[in-house]
Amino acid sequence: MSGGVMLLRGLVLFVAAVLLCGCETARSGLDYSATERKIGPPKAGHARVVVLREKGFGGIGDPDWAFSIDGTPIKGLKTGTYVYVDRPAGQHQFVAEEAALGVTRVDFTARSGQTLFFVARFSERKNAMIANSSTGLLGWGLTLAITSGYKNQGPLDFLPLEEQAARTTVAELRLAE
């Protein structure tokens, strides 16, 4: 086979792989309004914390984004899903860590009966690490050094959402399994 044919085959396979990896998979959990009807409001003295991960590129295998709230691990958050927990009113903290990067810590306060919505996204530092992952160890080390001054040293950002906008966004998502 000539080099041109091999190159063309390689290019076709690469494009097919990119298209397949970027496909959005259907989630089977409940939508948010069905979840709300099923579980009702938070019990007295508690607040509900909803964390969502927007629809979009899931990547290869679309792994869970690991994090905790007040030291309790929260699992299952994938592209196009949401998770929720009810917590006593008061001060709380998200924590997400990745050995190579560092730790994300986000403090928030919840009032009794309140539902708080947060969107989880890769942090600016994590995005820089992903963008430079193909540059080898030297590039990876340089990226770590360059991003060492970023405010969030960890892998995720937890961004609060205004309730009306959050309810519109979460209506398109499914409960994580």
N, C-alpha and C. Protein backbone atom coordinates (compact mmCIF):
# COMPACT_ATOMS: atom_id res chain seq x y z
N MET A 1 0.84 -1.19 0.00
CA MET A 1 0.00 0.00 0.00
C MET A 1 0.87 1.24 0.00
N SER A 2 0.40 2.23 -0.69
CA SER A 2 1.18 3.47 -0.73
C SER A 2 0.94 4.28 0.54
N GLY A 3 1.86 5.18 0.82
CA GLY A 3 1.76 6.03 2.01
C GLY A 3 0.51 6.90 2.00
N GLY A 4 0.07 7.31 0.80
CA GLY A 4 -1.11 8.16 0.68
C GLY A 4 -2.38 7.43 1.10
N VAL A 5 -2.50 6.16 0.70
CA VAL A 5 -3.68 5.36 1.06
C VAL A 5 -3.70 5.11 2.56
N MET A 6 -2.53 4.80 3.13
CA MET A 6 -2.44 4.57 4.57
C MET A 6 -2.82 5.83 5.34
N LEU A 7 -2.33 6.97 4.87
CA LEU A 7 -2.65 8.24 5.51
C LEU A 7 -4.14 8.53 5.44
N LEU A 8 -4.74 8.28 4.28
CA LEU A 8 -6.17 8.50 4.12
C LEU A 8 -6.98 7.59 5.04
N ARG A 9 -6.60 6.32 5.13
CA ARG A 9 -7.29 5.40 6.04
C ARG A 9 -7.15 5.86 7.49
N GLY A 10 -5.96 6.25 7.85
CA GLY A 10 -5.73 6.74 9.22
C GLY A 10 -6.58 7.96 9.52
N LEU A 11 -6.67 8.87 8.57
CA LEU A 11 -7.46 10.08 8.74
C LEU A 11 -8.94 9.74 8.90
N VAL A 12 -9.45 8.83 8.07
CA VAL A 12 -10.85 8.41 8.15
C VAL A 12 -11.14 7.77 9.51
N LEU A 13 -10.25 6.89 9.97
CA LEU A 13 -10.43 6.25 11.28
C LEU A 13 -10.40 7.27 12.41
N PHE A 14 -9.50 8.24 12.30
CA PHE A 14 -9.41 9.28 13.32
C PHE A 14 -10.70 10.08 13.38
N VAL A 15 -11.22 10.51 12.24
CA VAL A 15 -12.46 11.29 12.20
C VAL A 15 -13.62 10.46 12.76
N ALA A 16 -13.69 9.18 12.40
CA ALA A 16 -14.75 8.32 12.93
C ALA A 16 -14.66 8.20 14.45
N ALA A 17 -13.44 8.05 14.96
CA ALA A 17 -13.25 7.94 16.41
C ALA A 17 -13.68 9.22 17.12
N VAL A 18 -13.31 10.36 16.57
CA VAL A 18 -13.70 11.64 17.17
C VAL A 18 -15.21 11.78 17.19
N LEU A 19 -15.87 11.43 16.10
CA LEU A 19 -17.32 11.53 16.05
C LEU A 19 -17.99 10.59 17.03
N LEU A 20 -17.49 9.38 17.15
CA LEU A 20 -18.07 8.43 18.10
C LEU A 20 -17.84 8.85 19.54
N CYS A 21 -16.67 9.37 19.86
CA CYS A 21 -16.37 9.78 21.23
C CYS A 21 -17.20 10.99 21.64
N GLY A 22 -17.57 11.80 20.69
CA GLY A 22 -18.32 12.99 21.00
C GLY A 22 -19.81 12.78 21.06
N CYS A 23 -20.25 11.57 20.76
CA CYS A 23 -21.69 11.30 20.78
C CYS A 23 -22.23 11.42 22.19
N GLU A 24 -23.40 11.99 22.28
CA GLU A 24 -24.07 12.12 23.58
C GLU A 24 -24.87 10.86 23.83
N THR A 25 -24.69 10.27 24.97
CA THR A 25 -25.44 9.07 25.29
C THR A 25 -26.68 9.45 26.08
N ALA A 26 -27.73 8.71 25.88
CA ALA A 26 -28.97 9.00 26.59
C ALA A 26 -28.84 8.56 28.05
N ARG A 27 -29.29 9.39 28.93
CA ARG A 27 -29.29 9.06 30.36
C ARG A 27 -30.67 8.55 30.70
N SER A 28 -30.75 7.63 31.64
CA SER A 28 -32.03 6.99 31.91
C SER A 28 -32.68 7.42 33.22
N GLY A 29 -32.05 8.31 33.99
CA GLY A 29 -32.62 8.72 35.27
C GLY A 29 -33.81 9.64 35.10
N LEU A 30 -34.43 9.98 36.21
CA LEU A 30 -35.59 10.86 36.21
C LEU A 30 -35.20 12.29 35.85
N ASP A 31 -36.13 13.00 35.18
CA ASP A 31 -35.87 14.42 34.99
C ASP A 31 -36.15 15.12 36.32
N TYR A 32 -35.73 16.38 36.42
CA TYR A 32 -35.78 17.05 37.72
C TYR A 32 -37.21 17.24 38.25
N SER A 33 -38.16 17.59 37.37
CA SER A 33 -39.53 17.81 37.85
C SER A 33 -40.11 16.50 38.39
N ALA A 34 -39.80 15.37 37.76
CA ALA A 34 -40.28 14.07 38.26
C ALA A 34 -39.62 13.75 39.61
N THR A 35 -38.36 14.07 39.74
CA THR A 35 -37.66 13.84 41.01
C THR A 35 -38.29 14.68 42.11
N GLU A 36 -38.54 15.95 41.81
CA GLU A 36 -39.16 16.85 42.81
C GLU A 36 -40.52 16.33 43.26
N ARG A 37 -41.32 15.88 42.31
CA ARG A 37 -42.65 15.34 42.66
C ARG A 37 -42.50 14.09 43.52
N LYS A 38 -41.53 13.26 43.20
CA LYS A 38 -41.35 11.99 43.90
C LYS A 38 -40.84 12.19 45.33
N ILE A 39 -39.85 13.08 45.51
CA ILE A 39 -39.22 13.22 46.83
C ILE A 39 -39.77 14.37 47.67
N GLY A 40 -40.46 15.31 47.02
CA GLY A 40 -41.01 16.44 47.76
C GLY A 40 -39.92 17.43 48.17
N PRO A 41 -40.29 18.43 48.96
CA PRO A 41 -39.31 19.43 49.39
C PRO A 41 -38.36 18.87 50.46
N PRO A 42 -37.29 19.58 50.73
CA PRO A 42 -36.40 19.13 51.82
C PRO A 42 -37.16 19.15 53.14
N LYS A 43 -36.79 18.23 54.06
CA LYS A 43 -37.48 18.21 55.35
C LYS A 43 -37.14 19.46 56.15
N ALA A 44 -37.90 19.73 57.15
CA ALA A 44 -37.74 20.94 57.96
C ALA A 44 -36.30 21.06 58.45
N GLY A 45 -35.75 22.27 58.34
CA GLY A 45 -34.39 22.53 58.82
C GLY A 45 -33.31 22.14 57.83
N HIS A 46 -33.70 21.66 56.65
CA HIS A 46 -32.74 21.23 55.63
C HIS A 46 -32.88 22.06 54.36
N ALA A 47 -31.85 21.99 53.54
CA ALA A 47 -31.83 22.61 52.22
C ALA A 47 -31.46 21.53 51.21
N ARG A 48 -31.82 21.75 49.97
CA ARG A 48 -31.46 20.82 48.90
C ARG A 48 -30.35 21.45 48.07
N VAL A 49 -29.32 20.66 47.78
CA VAL A 49 -28.21 21.10 46.95
C VAL A 49 -28.24 20.25 45.68
N VAL A 50 -28.39 20.91 44.53
CA VAL A 50 -28.44 20.23 43.24
C VAL A 50 -27.19 20.63 42.46
N VAL A 51 -26.45 19.63 42.00
CA VAL A 51 -25.26 19.88 41.19
C VAL A 51 -25.50 19.24 39.84
N LEU A 52 -25.29 20.02 38.78
CA LEU A 52 -25.54 19.50 37.45
C LEU A 52 -24.31 19.61 36.58
N ARG A 53 -24.29 18.76 35.59
CA ARG A 53 -23.24 18.76 34.57
C ARG A 53 -23.95 18.86 33.23
N GLU A 54 -23.70 19.94 32.54
CA GLU A 54 -24.42 20.24 31.32
C GLU A 54 -24.23 19.18 30.25
N LYS A 55 -25.18 19.19 29.29
CA LYS A 55 -25.05 18.33 28.13
C LYS A 55 -23.89 18.83 27.30
N GLY A 56 -23.34 17.96 26.50
CA GLY A 56 -22.24 18.34 25.63
C GLY A 56 -21.29 17.19 25.44
N PHE A 57 -20.08 17.50 25.10
CA PHE A 57 -19.07 16.47 24.84
C PHE A 57 -18.80 15.68 26.10
N GLY A 58 -19.01 14.39 26.03
CA GLY A 58 -18.79 13.53 27.18
C GLY A 58 -17.39 12.96 27.25
N GLY A 59 -16.71 12.89 26.14
CA GLY A 59 -15.37 12.33 26.14
C GLY A 59 -15.41 10.81 26.17
N ILE A 60 -14.25 10.22 26.16
CA ILE A 60 -14.13 8.77 26.12
C ILE A 60 -14.56 8.18 27.46
N GLY A 61 -15.59 7.37 27.42
CA GLY A 61 -16.06 6.72 28.64
C GLY A 61 -16.87 7.61 29.57
N ASP A 62 -16.78 8.91 29.42
CA ASP A 62 -17.50 9.89 30.25
C ASP A 62 -17.48 9.50 31.73
N PRO A 63 -16.31 9.56 32.36
CA PRO A 63 -16.22 9.15 33.77
C PRO A 63 -16.97 10.10 34.71
N ASP A 64 -17.32 9.57 35.88
CA ASP A 64 -17.92 10.41 36.93
C ASP A 64 -16.95 11.52 37.30
N TRP A 65 -17.49 12.64 37.71
CA TRP A 65 -16.66 13.69 38.30
C TRP A 65 -16.77 13.51 39.81
N ALA A 66 -15.68 13.09 40.42
CA ALA A 66 -15.68 12.81 41.85
C ALA A 66 -15.55 14.09 42.66
N PHE A 67 -16.41 14.23 43.65
CA PHE A 67 -16.34 15.35 44.59
C PHE A 67 -17.11 14.96 45.84
N SER A 68 -17.01 15.79 46.84
CA SER A 68 -17.76 15.53 48.08
C SER A 68 -18.41 16.82 48.56
N ILE A 69 -19.43 16.64 49.36
CA ILE A 69 -20.07 17.75 50.06
C ILE A 69 -19.97 17.41 51.54
N ASP A 70 -19.30 18.27 52.27
CA ASP A 70 -19.10 18.07 53.71
C ASP A 70 -18.47 16.71 54.03
N GLY A 71 -17.57 16.27 53.15
CA GLY A 71 -16.87 15.02 53.37
C GLY A 71 -17.60 13.78 52.90
N THR A 72 -18.83 13.93 52.42
CA THR A 72 -19.59 12.79 51.90
C THR A 72 -19.38 12.71 50.39
N PRO A 73 -18.81 11.60 49.91
CA PRO A 73 -18.58 11.47 48.46
C PRO A 73 -19.89 11.48 47.68
N ILE A 74 -19.88 12.20 46.57
CA ILE A 74 -21.03 12.26 45.67
C ILE A 74 -20.56 11.60 44.37
N LYS A 75 -21.29 10.61 43.94
CA LYS A 75 -20.87 9.84 42.77
C LYS A 75 -21.93 9.89 41.68
N GLY A 76 -21.49 9.61 40.47
CA GLY A 76 -22.41 9.44 39.35
C GLY A 76 -22.60 10.64 38.46
N LEU A 77 -22.00 11.79 38.77
CA LEU A 77 -22.22 12.98 37.95
C LEU A 77 -21.50 12.84 36.61
N LYS A 78 -22.27 12.69 35.56
CA LYS A 78 -21.75 12.56 34.21
C LYS A 78 -22.38 13.63 33.33
N THR A 79 -21.91 13.72 32.11
CA THR A 79 -22.45 14.67 31.16
C THR A 79 -23.96 14.49 31.03
N GLY A 80 -24.70 15.59 31.15
CA GLY A 80 -26.15 15.56 30.98
C GLY A 80 -26.92 15.02 32.18
N THR A 81 -26.29 15.02 33.36
CA THR A 81 -26.97 14.52 34.55
C THR A 81 -26.90 15.54 35.69
N TYR A 82 -27.64 15.24 36.74
CA TYR A 82 -27.58 16.04 37.96
C TYR A 82 -27.61 15.08 39.16
N VAL A 83 -27.12 15.57 40.27
CA VAL A 83 -27.22 14.86 41.55
C VAL A 83 -27.79 15.84 42.56
N TYR A 84 -28.37 15.31 43.62
CA TYR A 84 -28.87 16.20 44.68
C TYR A 84 -28.64 15.55 46.03
N VAL A 85 -28.49 16.39 47.03
CA VAL A 85 -28.42 15.94 48.42
C VAL A 85 -29.16 16.95 49.27
N ASP A 86 -29.77 16.46 50.33
CA ASP A 86 -30.39 17.35 51.31
C ASP A 86 -29.44 17.44 52.49
N ARG A 87 -29.18 18.66 52.94
CA ARG A 87 -28.25 18.91 54.04
C ARG A 87 -28.91 19.86 55.04
N PRO A 88 -28.52 19.77 56.32
CA PRO A 88 -29.04 20.72 57.30
C PRO A 88 -28.67 22.15 56.87
N ALA A 89 -29.53 23.09 57.20
CA ALA A 89 -29.24 24.49 56.88
C ALA A 89 -27.93 24.89 57.55
N GLY A 90 -27.18 25.77 56.90
CA GLY A 90 -25.92 26.23 57.48
C GLY A 90 -24.79 26.23 56.46
N GLN A 91 -23.57 26.21 56.96
CA GLN A 91 -22.35 26.26 56.14
C GLN A 91 -22.02 24.87 55.59
N HIS A 92 -21.59 24.85 54.33
CA HIS A 92 -21.23 23.59 53.67
C HIS A 92 -20.03 23.83 52.76
N GLN A 93 -19.44 22.72 52.29
CA GLN A 93 -18.25 22.85 51.44
C GLN A 93 -18.20 21.73 50.41
N PHE A 94 -17.97 22.14 49.15
CA PHE A 94 -17.63 21.21 48.08
C PHE A 94 -16.13 20.98 48.13
N VAL A 95 -15.70 19.75 47.90
CA VAL A 95 -14.28 19.45 47.77
C VAL A 95 -14.11 18.49 46.59
N ALA A 96 -13.19 18.85 45.70
CA ALA A 96 -12.81 17.97 44.58
C ALA A 96 -11.30 18.01 44.51
N GLU A 97 -10.67 16.85 44.39
CA GLU A 97 -9.21 16.85 44.31
C GLU A 97 -8.72 15.89 43.26
N GLU A 98 -7.59 16.26 42.73
CA GLU A 98 -6.90 15.44 41.74
C GLU A 98 -5.43 15.51 42.06
N ALA A 99 -4.81 14.36 42.20
CA ALA A 99 -3.42 14.29 42.68
C ALA A 99 -2.47 15.22 41.92
N ALA A 100 -2.55 15.26 40.62
CA ALA A 100 -1.62 16.06 39.84
C ALA A 100 -1.90 17.56 39.92
N LEU A 101 -3.12 17.93 40.24
CA LEU A 101 -3.50 19.34 40.23
C LEU A 101 -3.53 19.95 41.62
N GLY A 102 -4.44 19.48 42.42
CA GLY A 102 -4.63 20.06 43.73
C GLY A 102 -6.06 19.88 44.17
N VAL A 103 -6.53 20.79 45.02
CA VAL A 103 -7.84 20.65 45.64
C VAL A 103 -8.69 21.87 45.35
N THR A 104 -9.94 21.62 44.98
CA THR A 104 -10.95 22.65 44.85
C THR A 104 -11.74 22.65 46.15
N ARG A 105 -11.92 23.82 46.76
CA ARG A 105 -12.77 23.97 47.94
C ARG A 105 -13.69 25.16 47.69
N VAL A 106 -14.98 24.91 47.80
CA VAL A 106 -15.96 25.98 47.62
C VAL A 106 -16.92 25.93 48.81
N ASP A 107 -16.94 27.01 49.57
CA ASP A 107 -17.83 27.13 50.72
C ASP A 107 -19.13 27.81 50.29
N PHE A 108 -20.23 27.37 50.87
CA PHE A 108 -21.52 28.01 50.60
C PHE A 108 -22.42 27.85 51.81
N THR A 109 -23.44 28.69 51.87
CA THR A 109 -24.40 28.67 52.96
C THR A 109 -25.78 28.35 52.40
N ALA A 110 -26.49 27.48 53.08
CA ALA A 110 -27.83 27.09 52.66
C ALA A 110 -28.84 27.40 53.77
N ARG A 111 -29.97 27.98 53.38
CA ARG A 111 -31.03 28.28 54.33
C ARG A 111 -32.07 27.16 54.33
N SER A 112 -32.74 27.00 55.41
CA SER A 112 -33.78 25.98 55.54
C SER A 112 -34.83 26.14 54.45
N GLY A 113 -35.19 25.03 53.80
CA GLY A 113 -36.21 25.05 52.75
C GLY A 113 -35.70 25.50 51.39
N GLN A 114 -34.48 25.96 51.31
CA GLN A 114 -33.92 26.49 50.07
C GLN A 114 -33.39 25.37 49.18
N THR A 115 -33.50 25.56 47.87
CA THR A 115 -32.85 24.69 46.90
C THR A 115 -31.77 25.50 46.21
N LEU A 116 -30.53 25.04 46.33
CA LEU A 116 -29.40 25.70 45.70
C LEU A 116 -28.96 24.89 44.49
N PHE A 117 -28.66 25.57 43.39
CA PHE A 117 -28.22 24.91 42.17
C PHE A 117 -26.79 25.33 41.86
N PHE A 118 -25.97 24.36 41.48
CA PHE A 118 -24.60 24.61 41.06
C PHE A 118 -24.34 23.83 39.78
N VAL A 119 -23.56 24.43 38.88
CA VAL A 119 -23.09 23.71 37.71
C VAL A 119 -21.62 23.37 37.97
N ALA A 120 -21.26 22.12 37.72
CA ALA A 120 -19.87 21.69 37.86
C ALA A 120 -19.22 21.73 36.48
N ARG A 121 -18.06 22.35 36.41
CA ARG A 121 -17.29 22.44 35.16
C ARG A 121 -15.83 22.23 35.49
N PHE A 122 -15.07 21.80 34.48
CA PHE A 122 -13.63 21.73 34.67
C PHE A 122 -13.11 23.11 35.02
N SER A 123 -12.16 23.17 35.94
CA SER A 123 -11.55 24.45 36.29
C SER A 123 -10.65 24.93 35.16
N GLU A 124 -10.29 26.19 35.22
CA GLU A 124 -9.39 26.77 34.21
C GLU A 124 -8.06 26.00 34.19
N ARG A 125 -7.59 25.61 35.36
CA ARG A 125 -6.33 24.88 35.45
C ARG A 125 -6.46 23.49 34.82
N LYS A 126 -7.55 22.80 35.09
CA LYS A 126 -7.78 21.47 34.51
C LYS A 126 -7.87 21.58 32.99
N ASN A 127 -8.58 22.60 32.49
CA ASN A 127 -8.66 22.80 31.04
C ASN A 127 -7.29 23.01 30.42
N ALA A 128 -6.44 23.78 31.09
CA ALA A 128 -5.08 24.01 30.58
C ALA A 128 -4.29 22.70 30.55
N MET A 129 -4.46 21.87 31.58
CA MET A 129 -3.76 20.58 31.62
C MET A 129 -4.24 19.66 30.50
N ILE A 130 -5.53 19.66 30.23
CA ILE A 130 -6.07 18.84 29.14
C ILE A 130 -5.54 19.34 27.80
N ALA A 131 -5.55 20.65 27.62
CA ALA A 131 -5.09 21.23 26.36
C ALA A 131 -3.62 20.92 26.09
N ASN A 132 -2.83 20.79 27.13
CA ASN A 132 -1.40 20.54 26.96
C ASN A 132 -0.99 19.11 27.23
N SER A 133 -1.95 18.21 27.31
CA SER A 133 -1.65 16.82 27.66
C SER A 133 -0.83 16.11 26.59
N SER A 134 -0.88 16.60 25.37
CA SER A 134 -0.14 15.93 24.30
C SER A 134 1.31 16.42 24.19
N THR A 135 1.71 17.33 25.04
CA THR A 135 3.05 17.91 24.92
C THR A 135 4.11 17.15 25.71
N GLY A 136 3.72 16.04 26.32
CA GLY A 136 4.68 15.23 27.06
C GLY A 136 4.93 15.77 28.45
N LEU A 137 5.86 15.13 29.14
CA LEU A 137 6.15 15.48 30.53
C LEU A 137 6.66 16.91 30.69
N LEU A 138 7.50 17.34 29.77
CA LEU A 138 8.02 18.71 29.85
C LEU A 138 6.88 19.72 29.74
N GLY A 139 6.00 19.53 28.75
CA GLY A 139 4.86 20.43 28.58
C GLY A 139 3.91 20.38 29.76
N TRP A 140 3.73 19.18 30.29
CA TRP A 140 2.86 19.01 31.44
C TRP A 140 3.44 19.75 32.65
N GLY A 141 4.72 19.60 32.87
CA GLY A 141 5.39 20.28 33.98
C GLY A 141 5.33 21.79 33.82
N LEU A 142 5.56 22.28 32.61
CA LEU A 142 5.48 23.72 32.36
C LEU A 142 4.06 24.23 32.60
N THR A 143 3.07 23.47 32.18
CA THR A 143 1.68 23.88 32.39
C THR A 143 1.36 23.94 33.88
N LEU A 144 1.84 22.95 34.64
CA LEU A 144 1.65 22.99 36.10
C LEU A 144 2.27 24.25 36.69
N ALA A 145 3.47 24.58 36.24
CA ALA A 145 4.16 25.76 36.77
C ALA A 145 3.42 27.05 36.38
N ILE A 146 3.01 27.14 35.13
CA ILE A 146 2.34 28.34 34.63
C ILE A 146 1.00 28.55 35.34
N THR A 147 0.30 27.45 35.63
CA THR A 147 -1.03 27.56 36.24
C THR A 147 -0.99 27.55 37.77
N SER A 148 0.18 27.52 38.34
CA SER A 148 0.29 27.43 39.81
C SER A 148 -0.29 28.66 40.51
N GLY A 149 -0.42 29.77 39.80
CA GLY A 149 -0.97 30.98 40.40
C GLY A 149 -2.48 31.10 40.24
N TYR A 150 -3.11 30.14 39.59
CA TYR A 150 -4.56 30.21 39.40
C TYR A 150 -5.26 30.12 40.76
N LYS A 151 -6.35 30.83 40.88
CA LYS A 151 -7.09 30.86 42.15
C LYS A 151 -7.55 29.46 42.56
N ASN A 152 -8.13 28.73 41.64
CA ASN A 152 -8.60 27.38 41.92
C ASN A 152 -7.54 26.39 41.43
N GLN A 153 -6.86 25.75 42.35
CA GLN A 153 -5.81 24.79 42.01
C GLN A 153 -6.37 23.42 41.70
N GLY A 154 -7.63 23.18 41.99
CA GLY A 154 -8.23 21.86 41.81
C GLY A 154 -8.85 21.65 40.45
N PRO A 155 -9.49 20.49 40.27
CA PRO A 155 -9.98 20.09 38.96
C PRO A 155 -11.35 20.65 38.56
N LEU A 156 -12.18 21.05 39.52
CA LEU A 156 -13.54 21.47 39.19
C LEU A 156 -13.87 22.84 39.75
N ASP A 157 -14.77 23.51 39.06
CA ASP A 157 -15.41 24.72 39.58
C ASP A 157 -16.86 24.36 39.88
N PHE A 158 -17.39 24.92 40.94
CA PHE A 158 -18.80 24.77 41.30
C PHE A 158 -19.40 26.16 41.25
N LEU A 159 -20.14 26.44 40.19
CA LEU A 159 -20.65 27.78 39.96
C LEU A 159 -22.12 27.85 40.32
N PRO A 160 -22.49 28.77 41.22
CA PRO A 160 -23.91 28.89 41.60
C PRO A 160 -24.74 29.37 40.42
N LEU A 161 -25.94 28.84 40.32
CA LEU A 161 -26.87 29.24 39.26
C LEU A 161 -28.09 29.89 39.88
N GLU A 162 -28.59 30.92 39.23
CA GLU A 162 -29.84 31.56 39.64
C GLU A 162 -30.95 30.53 39.44
N GLU A 163 -31.89 30.49 40.36
CA GLU A 163 -32.87 29.40 40.38
C GLU A 163 -33.66 29.25 39.09
N GLN A 164 -34.15 30.32 38.51
CA GLN A 164 -34.97 30.19 37.30
C GLN A 164 -34.15 29.64 36.14
N ALA A 165 -32.95 30.14 35.94
CA ALA A 165 -32.08 29.63 34.88
C ALA A 165 -31.71 28.18 35.15
N ALA A 166 -31.45 27.86 36.40
CA ALA A 166 -31.08 26.50 36.77
C ALA A 166 -32.22 25.53 36.48
N ARG A 167 -33.44 25.92 36.81
CA ARG A 167 -34.58 25.02 36.58
C ARG A 167 -34.79 24.77 35.08
N THR A 168 -34.51 25.76 34.26
CA THR A 168 -34.60 25.58 32.81
C THR A 168 -33.53 24.61 32.34
N THR A 169 -32.31 24.79 32.83
CA THR A 169 -31.20 23.92 32.42
C THR A 169 -31.39 22.50 32.93
N VAL A 170 -31.73 22.34 34.19
CA VAL A 170 -31.83 21.01 34.79
C VAL A 170 -33.02 20.23 34.22
N ALA A 171 -34.00 20.93 33.65
CA ALA A 171 -35.16 20.24 33.07
C ALA A 171 -34.75 19.33 31.91
N GLU A 172 -33.62 19.62 31.27
CA GLU A 172 -33.14 18.83 30.13
C GLU A 172 -32.24 17.68 30.56
N LEU A 173 -31.93 17.59 31.85
CA LEU A 173 -30.97 16.60 32.34
C LEU A 173 -31.67 15.45 33.04
N ARG A 174 -30.93 14.42 33.33
CA ARG A 174 -31.44 13.23 34.01
C ARG A 174 -30.71 13.02 35.32
N LEU A 175 -31.40 12.40 36.28
CA LEU A 175 -30.80 12.06 37.57
C LEU A 175 -29.68 11.07 37.36
N ALA A 176 -28.52 11.35 37.95
CA ALA A 176 -27.37 10.45 37.84
C ALA A 176 -27.69 9.13 38.53
N GLU A 177 -27.10 8.07 38.04
CA GLU A 177 -27.35 6.75 38.63
C GLU A 177 -26.19 6.32 39.49
